[in-house]
């Protein structure tokens, strides 16, 4: 199976944000022992701080990983700039297999190195 990364479209962001908030708030609740409502408020606040303009947020690169048929199998989020100065990357998978994970991880490294080298064309909003 071949996995290809493509920029997330603005129209895809609301559904992604909803899934992200659900998963992230569950992680916060579990890790910090918070009630679900408090965890969701915290997840929403942090997400909105990092992605105030969705896919067009400066320093945030969101990609969809698709298989040979064009079916989404995961997501790559590279934070090249954030309010606290952290550079990081997150990989989320909807259909995760060892080859898919290895391919998305390698692709994320390539994207990050390209960006560090001053690469153009990674921001879907110009």
PDB file of N, CA and C in Angstrom:
ATOM      1  N   UNK A   1       0.842  -1.182   0.000  1.00  0.00           N
ATOM      2  CA  UNK A   1       0.000   0.000   0.000  1.00  0.00           C
ATOM      3  C   UNK A   1       0.883   1.240   0.000  1.00  0.00           C
ATOM      4  N   UNK A   2       0.517   2.192  -0.825  1.00  0.00           N
ATOM      5  CA  UNK A   2       1.195   3.481  -0.874  1.00  0.00           C
ATOM      6  C   UNK A   2       0.374   4.484  -0.067  1.00  0.00           C
ATOM      7  N   UNK A   3       1.055   5.301   0.711  1.00  0.00           N
ATOM      8  CA  UNK A   3       0.391   6.362   1.464  1.00  0.00           C
ATOM      9  C   UNK A   3       0.919   7.690   0.948  1.00  0.00           C
ATOM     10  N   UNK A   4       0.000   8.596   0.657  1.00  0.00           N
ATOM     11  CA  UNK A   4       0.344   9.915   0.145  1.00  0.00           C
ATOM     12  C   UNK A   4      -0.189  10.971   1.102  1.00  0.00           C
ATOM     13  N   UNK A   5       0.597  12.018   1.310  1.00  0.00           N
ATOM     14  CA  UNK A   5       0.134  13.143   2.113  1.00  0.00           C
ATOM     15  C   UNK A   5      -0.360  14.244   1.195  1.00  0.00           C
ATOM     16  N   UNK A   6      -1.499  14.832   1.573  1.00  0.00           N
ATOM     17  CA  UNK A   6      -1.999  16.011   0.859  1.00  0.00           C
ATOM     18  C   UNK A   6      -2.451  17.024   1.898  1.00  0.00           C
ATOM     19  N   UNK A   7      -2.367  18.302   1.570  1.00  0.00           N
ATOM     20  CA  UNK A   7      -2.814  19.314   2.539  1.00  0.00           C
ATOM     21  C   UNK A   7      -4.294  19.117   2.883  1.00  0.00           C
ATOM     22  N   UNK A   8      -4.626  19.326   4.147  1.00  0.00           N
ATOM     23  CA  UNK A   8      -6.031  19.277   4.553  1.00  0.00           C
ATOM     24  C   UNK A   8      -6.746  20.478   3.954  1.00  0.00           C
ATOM     25  N   UNK A   9      -7.912  20.257   3.399  1.00  0.00           N
ATOM     26  CA  UNK A   9      -8.727  21.346   2.844  1.00  0.00           C
ATOM     27  C   UNK A   9      -9.466  22.044   3.993  1.00  0.00           C
ATOM     28  N   UNK A  10      -9.724  23.317   3.805  1.00  0.00           N
ATOM     29  CA  UNK A  10     -10.432  24.084   4.836  1.00  0.00           C
ATOM     30  C   UNK A  10     -11.771  23.436   5.173  1.00  0.00           C
ATOM     31  N   UNK A  11     -12.447  22.886   4.185  1.00  0.00           N
ATOM     32  CA  UNK A  11     -13.753  22.253   4.409  1.00  0.00           C
ATOM     33  C   UNK A  11     -13.645  20.989   5.261  1.00  0.00           C
ATOM     34  N   UNK A  12     -12.465  20.376   5.328  1.00  0.00           N
ATOM     35  CA  UNK A  12     -12.270  19.170   6.126  1.00  0.00           C
ATOM     36  C   UNK A  12     -11.976  19.472   7.603  1.00  0.00           C
ATOM     37  N   UNK A  13     -11.587  20.706   7.886  1.00  0.00           N
ATOM     38  CA  UNK A  13     -11.138  21.042   9.228  1.00  0.00           C
ATOM     39  C   UNK A  13     -12.210  20.908  10.308  1.00  0.00           C
ATOM     40  N   UNK A  14     -13.440  21.377  10.110  1.00  0.00           N
ATOM     41  CA  UNK A  14     -14.429  21.261  11.201  1.00  0.00           C
ATOM     42  C   UNK A  14     -14.633  19.819  11.689  1.00  0.00           C
ATOM     43  N   UNK A  15     -14.700  18.869  10.784  1.00  0.00           N
ATOM     44  CA  UNK A  15     -14.870  17.464  11.196  1.00  0.00           C
ATOM     45  C   UNK A  15     -13.630  16.975  11.932  1.00  0.00           C
ATOM     46  N   UNK A  16     -12.445  17.364  11.450  1.00  0.00           N
ATOM     47  CA  UNK A  16     -11.212  16.984  12.134  1.00  0.00           C
ATOM     48  C   UNK A  16     -11.180  17.582  13.534  1.00  0.00           C
ATOM     49  N   UNK A  17     -11.537  18.861  13.648  1.00  0.00           N
ATOM     50  CA  UNK A  17     -11.516  19.542  14.948  1.00  0.00           C
ATOM     51  C   UNK A  17     -12.429  18.830  15.937  1.00  0.00           C
ATOM     52  N   UNK A  18     -13.595  18.415  15.476  1.00  0.00           N
ATOM     53  CA  UNK A  18     -14.536  17.706  16.348  1.00  0.00           C
ATOM     54  C   UNK A  18     -13.934  16.398  16.867  1.00  0.00           C
ATOM     55  N   UNK A  19     -13.323  15.619  15.964  1.00  0.00           N
ATOM     56  CA  UNK A  19     -12.688  14.353  16.386  1.00  0.00           C
ATOM     57  C   UNK A  19     -11.501  14.623  17.305  1.00  0.00           C
ATOM     58  N   UNK A  20     -10.736  15.668  16.996  1.00  0.00           N
ATOM     59  CA  UNK A  20      -9.587  16.027  17.817  1.00  0.00           C
ATOM     60  C   UNK A  20     -10.026  16.382  19.231  1.00  0.00           C
ATOM     61  N   UNK A  21     -11.045  17.224  19.365  1.00  0.00           N
ATOM     62  CA  UNK A  21     -11.514  17.641  20.688  1.00  0.00           C
ATOM     63  C   UNK A  21     -12.032  16.452  21.490  1.00  0.00           C
ATOM     64  N   UNK A  22     -12.719  15.546  20.824  1.00  0.00           N
ATOM     65  CA  UNK A  22     -13.234  14.356  21.511  1.00  0.00           C
ATOM     66  C   UNK A  22     -12.082  13.515  22.071  1.00  0.00           C
ATOM     67  N   UNK A  23     -11.089  13.235  21.225  1.00  0.00           N
ATOM     68  CA  UNK A  23      -9.957  12.397  21.658  1.00  0.00           C
ATOM     69  C   UNK A  23      -9.072  13.124  22.666  1.00  0.00           C
ATOM     70  N   UNK A  24      -8.790  14.400  22.407  1.00  0.00           N
ATOM     71  CA  UNK A  24      -7.897  15.151  23.290  1.00  0.00           C
ATOM     72  C   UNK A  24      -8.520  15.357  24.665  1.00  0.00           C
ATOM     73  N   UNK A  25      -9.813  15.670  24.706  1.00  0.00           N
ATOM     74  CA  UNK A  25     -10.457  15.876  26.008  1.00  0.00           C
ATOM     75  C   UNK A  25     -10.504  14.562  26.797  1.00  0.00           C
ATOM     76  N   UNK A  26     -10.677  13.435  26.127  1.00  0.00           N
ATOM     77  CA  UNK A  26     -10.650  12.136  26.814  1.00  0.00           C
ATOM     78  C   UNK A  26      -9.261  11.884  27.406  1.00  0.00           C
ATOM     79  N   UNK A  27      -8.216  12.236  26.642  1.00  0.00           N
ATOM     80  CA  UNK A  27      -6.845  12.092  27.151  1.00  0.00           C
ATOM     81  C   UNK A  27      -6.607  12.973  28.377  1.00  0.00           C
ATOM     82  N   UNK A  28      -7.080  14.210  28.310  1.00  0.00           N
ATOM     83  CA  UNK A  28      -6.911  15.143  29.434  1.00  0.00           C
ATOM     84  C   UNK A  28      -7.660  14.622  30.666  1.00  0.00           C
ATOM     85  N   UNK A  29      -8.891  14.180  30.471  1.00  0.00           N
ATOM     86  CA  UNK A  29      -9.692  13.673  31.592  1.00  0.00           C
ATOM     87  C   UNK A  29      -8.998  12.484  32.248  1.00  0.00           C
ATOM     88  N   UNK A  30      -8.497  11.572  31.429  1.00  0.00           N
ATOM     89  CA  UNK A  30      -7.832  10.367  31.943  1.00  0.00           C
ATOM     90  C   UNK A  30      -6.526  10.728  32.672  1.00  0.00           C
ATOM     91  N   UNK A  31      -5.723  11.582  32.044  1.00  0.00           N
ATOM     92  CA  UNK A  31      -4.402  11.902  32.599  1.00  0.00           C
ATOM     93  C   UNK A  31      -4.481  12.770  33.856  1.00  0.00           C
ATOM     94  N   UNK A  32      -5.464  13.659  33.915  1.00  0.00           N
ATOM     95  CA  UNK A  32      -5.528  14.614  35.026  1.00  0.00           C
ATOM     96  C   UNK A  32      -6.676  14.357  35.987  1.00  0.00           C
ATOM     97  N   UNK A  33      -7.464  13.333  35.682  1.00  0.00           N
ATOM     98  CA  UNK A  33      -8.581  13.005  36.557  1.00  0.00           C
ATOM     99  C   UNK A  33      -9.654  14.071  36.589  1.00  0.00           C
ATOM    100  N   UNK A  34      -9.852  14.763  35.467  1.00  0.00           N
ATOM    101  CA  UNK A  34     -10.850  15.832  35.411  1.00  0.00           C
ATOM    102  C   UNK A  34     -12.192  15.298  34.927  1.00  0.00           C
ATOM    103  N   UNK A  35     -13.279  15.958  35.315  1.00  0.00           N
ATOM    104  CA  UNK A  35     -14.584  15.605  34.751  1.00  0.00           C
ATOM    105  C   UNK A  35     -14.589  15.903  33.248  1.00  0.00           C
ATOM    106  N   UNK A  36     -15.421  15.200  32.510  1.00  0.00           N
ATOM    107  CA  UNK A  36     -15.459  15.329  31.049  1.00  0.00           C
ATOM    108  C   UNK A  36     -15.661  16.780  30.593  1.00  0.00           C
ATOM    109  N   UNK A  37     -16.566  17.506  31.247  1.00  0.00           N
ATOM    110  CA  UNK A  37     -16.835  18.889  30.846  1.00  0.00           C
ATOM    111  C   UNK A  37     -15.628  19.793  31.007  1.00  0.00           C
ATOM    112  N   UNK A  38     -14.924  19.658  32.118  1.00  0.00           N
ATOM    113  CA  UNK A  38     -13.719  20.461  32.362  1.00  0.00           C
ATOM    114  C   UNK A  38     -12.627  20.111  31.355  1.00  0.00           C
ATOM    115  N   UNK A  39     -12.474  18.830  31.076  1.00  0.00           N
ATOM    116  CA  UNK A  39     -11.460  18.391  30.110  1.00  0.00           C
ATOM    117  C   UNK A  39     -11.780  18.918  28.715  1.00  0.00           C
ATOM    118  N   UNK A  40     -13.056  18.907  28.342  1.00  0.00           N
ATOM    119  CA  UNK A  40     -13.441  19.421  27.022  1.00  0.00           C
ATOM    120  C   UNK A  40     -13.180  20.920  26.928  1.00  0.00           C
ATOM    121  N   UNK A  41     -13.473  21.670  27.977  1.00  0.00           N
ATOM    122  CA  UNK A  41     -13.195  23.117  27.961  1.00  0.00           C
ATOM    123  C   UNK A  41     -11.695  23.375  27.795  1.00  0.00           C
ATOM    124  N   UNK A  42     -10.879  22.609  28.505  1.00  0.00           N
ATOM    125  CA  UNK A  42      -9.427  22.780  28.410  1.00  0.00           C
ATOM    126  C   UNK A  42      -8.927  22.400  27.014  1.00  0.00           C
ATOM    127  N   UNK A  43      -9.411  21.295  26.471  1.00  0.00           N
ATOM    128  CA  UNK A  43      -9.007  20.866  25.132  1.00  0.00           C
ATOM    129  C   UNK A  43      -9.423  21.897  24.088  1.00  0.00           C
ATOM    130  N   UNK A  44     -10.621  22.434  24.228  1.00  0.00           N
ATOM    131  CA  UNK A  44     -11.119  23.438  23.282  1.00  0.00           C
ATOM    132  C   UNK A  44     -10.270  24.703  23.344  1.00  0.00           C
ATOM    133  N   UNK A  45      -9.968  25.172  24.552  1.00  0.00           N
ATOM    134  CA  UNK A  45      -9.157  26.380  24.711  1.00  0.00           C
ATOM    135  C   UNK A  45      -7.776  26.192  24.078  1.00  0.00           C
ATOM    136  N   UNK A  46      -7.123  25.079  24.379  1.00  0.00           N
ATOM    137  CA  UNK A  46      -5.776  24.853  23.846  1.00  0.00           C
ATOM    138  C   UNK A  46      -5.790  24.690  22.327  1.00  0.00           C
ATOM    139  N   UNK A  47      -6.782  23.982  21.813  1.00  0.00           N
ATOM    140  CA  UNK A  47      -6.884  23.788  20.363  1.00  0.00           C
ATOM    141  C   UNK A  47      -7.135  25.123  19.671  1.00  0.00           C
ATOM    142  N   UNK A  48      -8.031  25.918  20.219  1.00  0.00           N
ATOM    143  CA  UNK A  48      -8.331  27.221  19.619  1.00  0.00           C
ATOM    144  C   UNK A  48      -7.136  28.169  19.667  1.00  0.00           C
ATOM    145  N   UNK A  49      -6.291  28.038  20.694  1.00  0.00           N
ATOM    146  CA  UNK A  49      -5.075  28.853  20.765  1.00  0.00           C
ATOM    147  C   UNK A  49      -4.070  28.440  19.691  1.00  0.00           C
ATOM    148  N   UNK A  50      -3.966  27.141  19.435  1.00  0.00           N
ATOM    149  CA  UNK A  50      -3.000  26.643  18.439  1.00  0.00           C
ATOM    150  C   UNK A  50      -3.499  26.754  17.009  1.00  0.00           C
ATOM    151  N   UNK A  51      -4.808  26.641  16.805  1.00  0.00           N
ATOM    152  CA  UNK A  51      -5.372  26.636  15.453  1.00  0.00           C
ATOM    153  C   UNK A  51      -6.497  27.671  15.305  1.00  0.00           C
ATOM    154  N   UNK A  52      -6.218  28.955  15.602  1.00  0.00           N
ATOM    155  CA  UNK A  52      -7.291  29.948  15.559  1.00  0.00           C
ATOM    156  C   UNK A  52      -7.872  30.162  14.159  1.00  0.00           C
ATOM    157  N   UNK A  53      -7.112  29.840  13.125  1.00  0.00           N
ATOM    158  CA  UNK A  53      -7.582  30.023  11.750  1.00  0.00           C
ATOM    159  C   UNK A  53      -7.648  28.691  11.012  1.00  0.00           C
ATOM    160  N   UNK A  54      -7.817  27.617  11.749  1.00  0.00           N
ATOM    161  CA  UNK A  54      -7.926  26.293  11.125  1.00  0.00           C
ATOM    162  C   UNK A  54      -6.699  25.959  10.303  1.00  0.00           C
ATOM    163  N   UNK A  55      -6.915  25.446   9.084  1.00  0.00           N
ATOM    164  CA  UNK A  55      -5.791  25.050   8.229  1.00  0.00           C
ATOM    165  C   UNK A  55      -4.964  26.241   7.765  1.00  0.00           C
ATOM    166  N   UNK A  56      -5.487  27.443   7.922  1.00  0.00           N
ATOM    167  CA  UNK A  56      -4.762  28.644   7.493  1.00  0.00           C
ATOM    168  C   UNK A  56      -3.974  29.290   8.632  1.00  0.00           C
ATOM    169  N   UNK A  57      -3.857  28.615   9.767  1.00  0.00           N
ATOM    170  CA  UNK A  57      -3.114  29.150  10.902  1.00  0.00           C
ATOM    171  C   UNK A  57      -1.619  29.130  10.604  1.00  0.00           C
ATOM    172  N   UNK A  58      -0.984  30.281  10.774  1.00  0.00           N
ATOM    173  CA  UNK A  58       0.459  30.382  10.556  1.00  0.00           C
ATOM    174  C   UNK A  58       1.192  29.372  11.429  1.00  0.00           C
ATOM    175  N   UNK A  59       2.134  28.658  10.821  1.00  0.00           N
ATOM    176  CA  UNK A  59       2.988  27.738  11.561  1.00  0.00           C
ATOM    177  C   UNK A  59       2.368  26.396  11.883  1.00  0.00           C
ATOM    178  N   UNK A  60       1.169  26.132  11.398  1.00  0.00           N
ATOM    179  CA  UNK A  60       0.497  24.856  11.636  1.00  0.00           C
ATOM    180  C   UNK A  60       0.204  24.220  10.276  1.00  0.00           C
ATOM    181  N   UNK A  61       0.808  23.074  10.029  1.00  0.00           N
ATOM    182  CA  UNK A  61       0.656  22.386   8.750  1.00  0.00           C
ATOM    183  C   UNK A  61      -0.150  21.117   8.976  1.00  0.00           C
ATOM    184  N   UNK A  62      -1.313  21.038   8.353  1.00  0.00           N
ATOM    185  CA  UNK A  62      -2.204  19.895   8.521  1.00  0.00           C
ATOM    186  C   UNK A  62      -2.306  19.138   7.195  1.00  0.00           C
ATOM    187  N   UNK A  63      -2.025  17.848   7.257  1.00  0.00           N
ATOM    188  CA  UNK A  63      -2.057  16.995   6.077  1.00  0.00           C
ATOM    189  C   UNK A  63      -2.948  15.790   6.321  1.00  0.00           C
ATOM    190  N   UNK A  64      -3.590  15.311   5.266  1.00  0.00           N
ATOM    191  CA  UNK A  64      -4.354  14.073   5.298  1.00  0.00           C
ATOM    192  C   UNK A  64      -3.501  13.005   4.616  1.00  0.00           C
ATOM    193  N   UNK A  65      -3.371  11.847   5.249  1.00  0.00           N
ATOM    194  CA  UNK A  65      -2.691  10.703   4.645  1.00  0.00           C
ATOM    195  C   UNK A  65      -3.766   9.848   3.977  1.00  0.00           C
ATOM    196  N   UNK A  66      -3.583   9.561   2.679  1.00  0.00           N
ATOM    197  CA  UNK A  66      -4.552   8.754   1.942  1.00  0.00           C
ATOM    198  C   UNK A  66      -3.863   7.525   1.346  1.00  0.00           C
ATOM    199  N   UNK A  67      -4.636   6.446   1.202  1.00  0.00           N
ATOM    200  CA  UNK A  67      -4.091   5.228   0.609  1.00  0.00           C
ATOM    201  C   UNK A  67      -4.229   5.273  -0.913  1.00  0.00           C
ATOM    202  N   UNK A  68      -3.934   4.164  -1.566  1.00  0.00           N
ATOM    203  CA  UNK A  68      -3.970   4.087  -3.037  1.00  0.00           C
ATOM    204  C   UNK A  68      -5.329   4.445  -3.629  1.00  0.00           C
ATOM    205  N   UNK A  69      -6.391   4.216  -2.870  1.00  0.00           N
ATOM    206  CA  UNK A  69      -7.738   4.485  -3.379  1.00  0.00           C
ATOM    207  C   UNK A  69      -8.201   5.905  -3.071  1.00  0.00           C
ATOM    208  N   UNK A  70      -7.373   6.669  -2.363  1.00  0.00           N
ATOM    209  CA  UNK A  70      -7.753   8.019  -1.965  1.00  0.00           C
ATOM    210  C   UNK A  70      -8.473   8.070  -0.635  1.00  0.00           C
ATOM    211  N   UNK A  71      -8.621   6.906   0.019  1.00  0.00           N
ATOM    212  CA  UNK A  71      -9.296   6.833   1.322  1.00  0.00           C
ATOM    213  C   UNK A  71      -8.377   7.357   2.420  1.00  0.00           C
ATOM    214  N   UNK A  72      -8.854   8.289   3.261  1.00  0.00           N
ATOM    215  CA  UNK A  72      -8.018   8.777   4.363  1.00  0.00           C
ATOM    216  C   UNK A  72      -7.665   7.651   5.337  1.00  0.00           C
ATOM    217  N   UNK A  73      -6.395   7.593   5.702  1.00  0.00           N
ATOM    218  CA  UNK A  73      -5.929   6.598   6.672  1.00  0.00           C
ATOM    219  C   UNK A  73      -5.297   7.252   7.896  1.00  0.00           C
ATOM    220  N   UNK A  74      -5.103   8.553   7.847  1.00  0.00           N
ATOM    221  CA  UNK A  74      -4.511   9.232   8.989  1.00  0.00           C
ATOM    222  C   UNK A  74      -4.334  10.706   8.719  1.00  0.00           C
ATOM    223  N   UNK A  75      -3.712  11.365   9.687  1.00  0.00           N
ATOM    224  CA  UNK A  75      -3.512  12.803   9.615  1.00  0.00           C
ATOM    225  C   UNK A  75      -2.152  13.143  10.196  1.00  0.00           C
ATOM    226  N   UNK A  76      -1.515  14.114   9.604  1.00  0.00           N
ATOM    227  CA  UNK A  76      -0.245  14.620  10.105  1.00  0.00           C
ATOM    228  C   UNK A  76      -0.426  16.093  10.438  1.00  0.00           C
ATOM    229  N   UNK A  77      -0.040  16.484  11.640  1.00  0.00           N
ATOM    230  CA  UNK A  77      -0.084  17.885  12.065  1.00  0.00           C
ATOM    231  C   UNK A  77       1.325  18.254  12.478  1.00  0.00           C
ATOM    232  N   UNK A  78       1.939  19.189  11.750  1.00  0.00           N
ATOM    233  CA  UNK A  78       3.258  19.706  12.101  1.00  0.00           C
ATOM    234  C   UNK A  78       3.101  21.125  12.619  1.00  0.00           C
ATOM    235  N   UNK A  79       3.574  21.354  13.816  1.00  0.00           N
ATOM    236  CA  UNK A  79       3.560  22.696  14.397  1.00  0.00           C
ATOM    237  C   UNK A  79       4.971  23.261  14.248  1.00  0.00           C
ATOM    238  N   UNK A  80       5.148  24.130  13.264  1.00  0.00           N
ATOM    239  CA  UNK A  80       6.460  24.724  13.031  1.00  0.00           C
ATOM    240  C   UNK A  80       6.640  26.008  13.826  1.00  0.00           C
ATOM    241  N   UNK A  81       5.542  26.502  14.387  1.00  0.00           N
ATOM    242  CA  UNK A  81       5.562  27.708  15.216  1.00  0.00           C
ATOM    243  C   UNK A  81       4.349  27.622  16.142  1.00  0.00           C
ATOM    244  N   UNK A  82       4.535  27.966  17.399  1.00  0.00           N
ATOM    245  CA  UNK A  82       3.406  28.001  18.323  1.00  0.00           C
ATOM    246  C   UNK A  82       3.626  29.123  19.326  1.00  0.00           C
ATOM    247  N   UNK A  83       2.565  29.510  20.041  1.00  0.00           N
ATOM    248  CA  UNK A  83       2.697  30.611  21.000  1.00  0.00           C
ATOM    249  C   UNK A  83       3.800  30.394  22.035  1.00  0.00           C
ATOM    250  N   UNK A  84       4.059  29.142  22.416  1.00  0.00           N
ATOM    251  CA  UNK A  84       5.090  28.885  23.418  1.00  0.00           C
ATOM    252  C   UNK A  84       6.437  28.502  22.804  1.00  0.00           C
ATOM    253  N   UNK A  85       6.551  28.636  21.471  1.00  0.00           N
ATOM    254  CA  UNK A  85       7.817  28.380  20.797  1.00  0.00           C
ATOM    255  C   UNK A  85       8.131  26.921  20.528  1.00  0.00           C
ATOM    256  N   UNK A  86       7.196  26.032  20.800  1.00  0.00           N
ATOM    257  CA  UNK A  86       7.422  24.596  20.617  1.00  0.00           C
ATOM    258  C   UNK A  86       7.208  24.205  19.159  1.00  0.00           C
ATOM    259  N   UNK A  87       8.120  23.392  18.644  1.00  0.00           N
ATOM    260  CA  UNK A  87       7.951  22.775  17.331  1.00  0.00           C
ATOM    261  C   UNK A  87       7.678  21.307  17.586  1.00  0.00           C
ATOM    262  N   UNK A  88       6.604  20.786  17.011  1.00  0.00           N
ATOM    263  CA  UNK A  88       6.212  19.406  17.292  1.00  0.00           C
ATOM    264  C   UNK A  88       5.442  18.838  16.124  1.00  0.00           C
ATOM    265  N   UNK A  89       5.173  17.569  16.203  1.00  0.00           N
ATOM    266  CA  UNK A  89       4.363  16.906  15.199  1.00  0.00           C
ATOM    267  C   UNK A  89       3.494  15.852  15.839  1.00  0.00           C
ATOM    268  N   UNK A  90       2.302  15.673  15.291  1.00  0.00           N
ATOM    269  CA  UNK A  90       1.377  14.659  15.778  1.00  0.00           C
ATOM    270  C   UNK A  90       0.871  13.874  14.592  1.00  0.00           C
ATOM    271  N   UNK A  91       0.757  12.584  14.777  1.00  0.00           N
ATOM    272  CA  UNK A  91       0.196  11.706  13.748  1.00  0.00           C
ATOM    273  C   UNK A  91      -1.028  11.039  14.348  1.00  0.00           C
ATOM    274  N   UNK A  92      -2.158  11.161  13.663  1.00  0.00           N
ATOM    275  CA  UNK A  92      -3.401  10.519  14.079  1.00  0.00           C
ATOM    276  C   UNK A  92      -3.779   9.549  12.973  1.00  0.00           C
ATOM    277  N   UNK A  93      -4.241   8.369  13.328  1.00  0.00           N
ATOM    278  CA  UNK A  93      -4.564   7.364  12.319  1.00  0.00           C
ATOM    279  C   UNK A  93      -6.000   6.894  12.456  1.00  0.00           C
ATOM    280  N   UNK A  94      -6.637   6.716  11.307  1.00  0.00           N
ATOM    281  CA  UNK A  94      -7.970   6.133  11.311  1.00  0.00           C
ATOM    282  C   UNK A  94      -7.882   4.650  10.978  1.00  0.00           C
ATOM    283  N   UNK A  95      -6.950   4.290  10.109  1.00  0.00           N
ATOM    284  CA  UNK A  95      -6.678   2.886   9.778  1.00  0.00           C
ATOM    285  C   UNK A  95      -5.182   2.714   9.867  1.00  0.00           C
ATOM    286  N   UNK A  96      -4.709   2.268  11.010  1.00  0.00           N
ATOM    287  CA  UNK A  96      -3.268   2.223  11.248  1.00  0.00           C
ATOM    288  C   UNK A  96      -2.733   0.820  11.051  1.00  0.00           C
ATOM    289  N   UNK A  97      -1.733   0.701  10.207  1.00  0.00           N
ATOM    290  CA  UNK A  97      -1.007  -0.557  10.046  1.00  0.00           C
ATOM    291  C   UNK A  97       0.467  -0.217  10.150  1.00  0.00           C
ATOM    292  N   UNK A  98       1.298  -1.209  10.346  1.00  0.00           N
ATOM    293  CA  UNK A  98       2.727  -0.936  10.464  1.00  0.00           C
ATOM    294  C   UNK A  98       3.271  -0.216   9.222  1.00  0.00           C
ATOM    295  N   UNK A  99       2.944  -0.686   7.989  1.00  0.00           N
ATOM    296  CA  UNK A  99       3.455   0.044   6.814  1.00  0.00           C
ATOM    297  C   UNK A  99       2.915   1.468   6.726  1.00  0.00           C
ATOM    298  N   UNK A 100       1.637   1.660   7.059  1.00  0.00           N
ATOM    299  CA  UNK A 100       1.064   3.007   7.015  1.00  0.00           C
ATOM    300  C   UNK A 100       1.770   3.915   8.001  1.00  0.00           C
ATOM    301  N   UNK A 101       1.958   3.438   9.224  1.00  0.00           N
ATOM    302  CA  UNK A 101       2.624   4.236  10.251  1.00  0.00           C
ATOM    303  C   UNK A 101       4.036   4.604   9.864  1.00  0.00           C
ATOM    304  N   UNK A 102       4.768   3.656   9.333  1.00  0.00           N
ATOM    305  CA  UNK A 102       6.149   3.928   8.919  1.00  0.00           C
ATOM    306  C   UNK A 102       6.183   4.942   7.781  1.00  0.00           C
ATOM    307  N   UNK A 103       5.262   4.820   6.846  1.00  0.00           N
ATOM    308  CA  UNK A 103       5.228   5.730   5.701  1.00  0.00           C
ATOM    309  C   UNK A 103       4.860   7.142   6.131  1.00  0.00           C
ATOM    310  N   UNK A 104       3.844   7.279   6.976  1.00  0.00           N
ATOM    311  CA  UNK A 104       3.438   8.612   7.437  1.00  0.00           C
ATOM    312  C   UNK A 104       4.542   9.235   8.287  1.00  0.00           C
ATOM    313  N   UNK A 105       5.187   8.441   9.122  1.00  0.00           N
ATOM    314  CA  UNK A 105       6.287   8.951   9.938  1.00  0.00           C
ATOM    315  C   UNK A 105       7.431   9.438   9.059  1.00  0.00           C
ATOM    316  N   UNK A 106       7.788   8.667   8.046  1.00  0.00           N
ATOM    317  CA  UNK A 106       8.859   9.082   7.128  1.00  0.00           C
ATOM    318  C   UNK A 106       8.452  10.343   6.366  1.00  0.00           C
ATOM    319  N   UNK A 107       7.202  10.390   5.914  1.00  0.00           N
ATOM    320  CA  UNK A 107       6.719  11.569   5.192  1.00  0.00           C
ATOM    321  C   UNK A 107       6.741  12.798   6.084  1.00  0.00           C
ATOM    322  N   UNK A 108       6.398  12.627   7.362  1.00  0.00           N
ATOM    323  CA  UNK A 108       6.412  13.776   8.268  1.00  0.00           C
ATOM    324  C   UNK A 108       7.831  14.299   8.445  1.00  0.00           C
ATOM    325  N   UNK A 109       8.800  13.401   8.525  1.00  0.00           N
ATOM    326  CA  UNK A 109      10.202  13.822   8.636  1.00  0.00           C
ATOM    327  C   UNK A 109      10.624  14.602   7.402  1.00  0.00           C
ATOM    328  N   UNK A 110      10.229  14.121   6.237  1.00  0.00           N
ATOM    329  CA  UNK A 110      10.565  14.813   4.988  1.00  0.00           C
ATOM    330  C   UNK A 110       9.931  16.196   4.945  1.00  0.00           C
ATOM    331  N   UNK A 111       8.648  16.300   5.346  1.00  0.00           N
ATOM    332  CA  UNK A 111       7.965  17.604   5.362  1.00  0.00           C
ATOM    333  C   UNK A 111       8.660  18.569   6.301  1.00  0.00           C
ATOM    334  N   UNK A 112       9.028  18.084   7.480  1.00  0.00           N
ATOM    335  CA  UNK A 112       9.673  18.946   8.456  1.00  0.00           C
ATOM    336  C   UNK A 112      11.038  19.423   7.955  1.00  0.00           C
ATOM    337  N   UNK A 113      11.825  18.512   7.398  1.00  0.00           N
ATOM    338  CA  UNK A 113      13.141  18.894   6.868  1.00  0.00           C
ATOM    339  C   UNK A 113      12.993  19.879   5.712  1.00  0.00           C
ATOM    340  N   UNK A 114      12.003  19.658   4.862  1.00  0.00           N
ATOM    341  CA  UNK A 114      11.747  20.580   3.746  1.00  0.00           C
ATOM    342  C   UNK A 114      11.407  21.969   4.298  1.00  0.00           C
ATOM    343  N   UNK A 115      10.548  22.022   5.311  1.00  0.00           N
ATOM    344  CA  UNK A 115      10.183  23.301   5.904  1.00  0.00           C
ATOM    345  C   UNK A 115      11.405  23.978   6.518  1.00  0.00           C
ATOM    346  N   UNK A 116      12.224  23.217   7.269  1.00  0.00           N
ATOM    347  CA  UNK A 116      13.412  23.790   7.896  1.00  0.00           C
ATOM    348  C   UNK A 116      14.389  24.348   6.867  1.00  0.00           C
ATOM    349  N   UNK A 117      14.395  23.752   5.672  1.00  0.00           N
ATOM    350  CA  UNK A 117      15.289  24.207   4.616  1.00  0.00           C
ATOM    351  C   UNK A 117      14.697  25.388   3.843  1.00  0.00           C
ATOM    352  N   UNK A 118      13.554  25.885   4.295  1.00  0.00           N
ATOM    353  CA  UNK A 118      12.931  27.027   3.633  1.00  0.00           C
ATOM    354  C   UNK A 118      12.003  26.627   2.508  1.00  0.00           C
ATOM    355  N   UNK A 119      11.581  25.362   2.506  1.00  0.00           N
ATOM    356  CA  UNK A 119      10.733  24.835   1.432  1.00  0.00           C
ATOM    357  C   UNK A 119       9.435  25.600   1.298  1.00  0.00           C
ATOM    358  N   UNK A 120       8.992  25.691   0.093  1.00  0.00           N
ATOM    359  CA  UNK A 120       7.717  26.370  -0.211  1.00  0.00           C
ATOM    360  C   UNK A 120       6.685  25.316  -0.566  1.00  0.00           C
ATOM    361  N   UNK A 121       5.447  25.723  -0.579  1.00  0.00           N
ATOM    362  CA  UNK A 121       4.383  24.857  -1.037  1.00  0.00           C
ATOM    363  C   UNK A 121       3.771  23.972   0.036  1.00  0.00           C
ATOM    364  N   UNK A 122       4.169  24.129   1.297  1.00  0.00           N
ATOM    365  CA  UNK A 122       3.589  23.306   2.337  1.00  0.00           C
ATOM    366  C   UNK A 122       2.348  23.939   2.971  1.00  0.00           C
ATOM    367  N   UNK A 123       2.152  25.227   2.765  1.00  0.00           N
ATOM    368  CA  UNK A 123       1.012  25.897   3.374  1.00  0.00           C
ATOM    369  C   UNK A 123      -0.118  25.972   2.374  1.00  0.00           C
ATOM    370  N   UNK A 124      -1.247  25.289   2.650  1.00  0.00           N
ATOM    371  CA  UNK A 124      -2.350  25.291   1.708  1.00  0.00           C
ATOM    372  C   UNK A 124      -3.010  26.660   1.532  1.00  0.00           C
ATOM    373  N   UNK A 125      -2.730  27.608   2.416  1.00  0.00           N
ATOM    374  CA  UNK A 125      -3.363  28.923   2.332  1.00  0.00           C
ATOM    375  C   UNK A 125      -2.411  30.002   1.868  1.00  0.00           C
ATOM    376  N   UNK A 126      -1.248  29.619   1.358  1.00  0.00           N
ATOM    377  CA  UNK A 126      -0.291  30.575   0.838  1.00  0.00           C
ATOM    378  C   UNK A 126       0.592  31.201   1.876  1.00  0.00           C
TER     379      UNK A 126
END
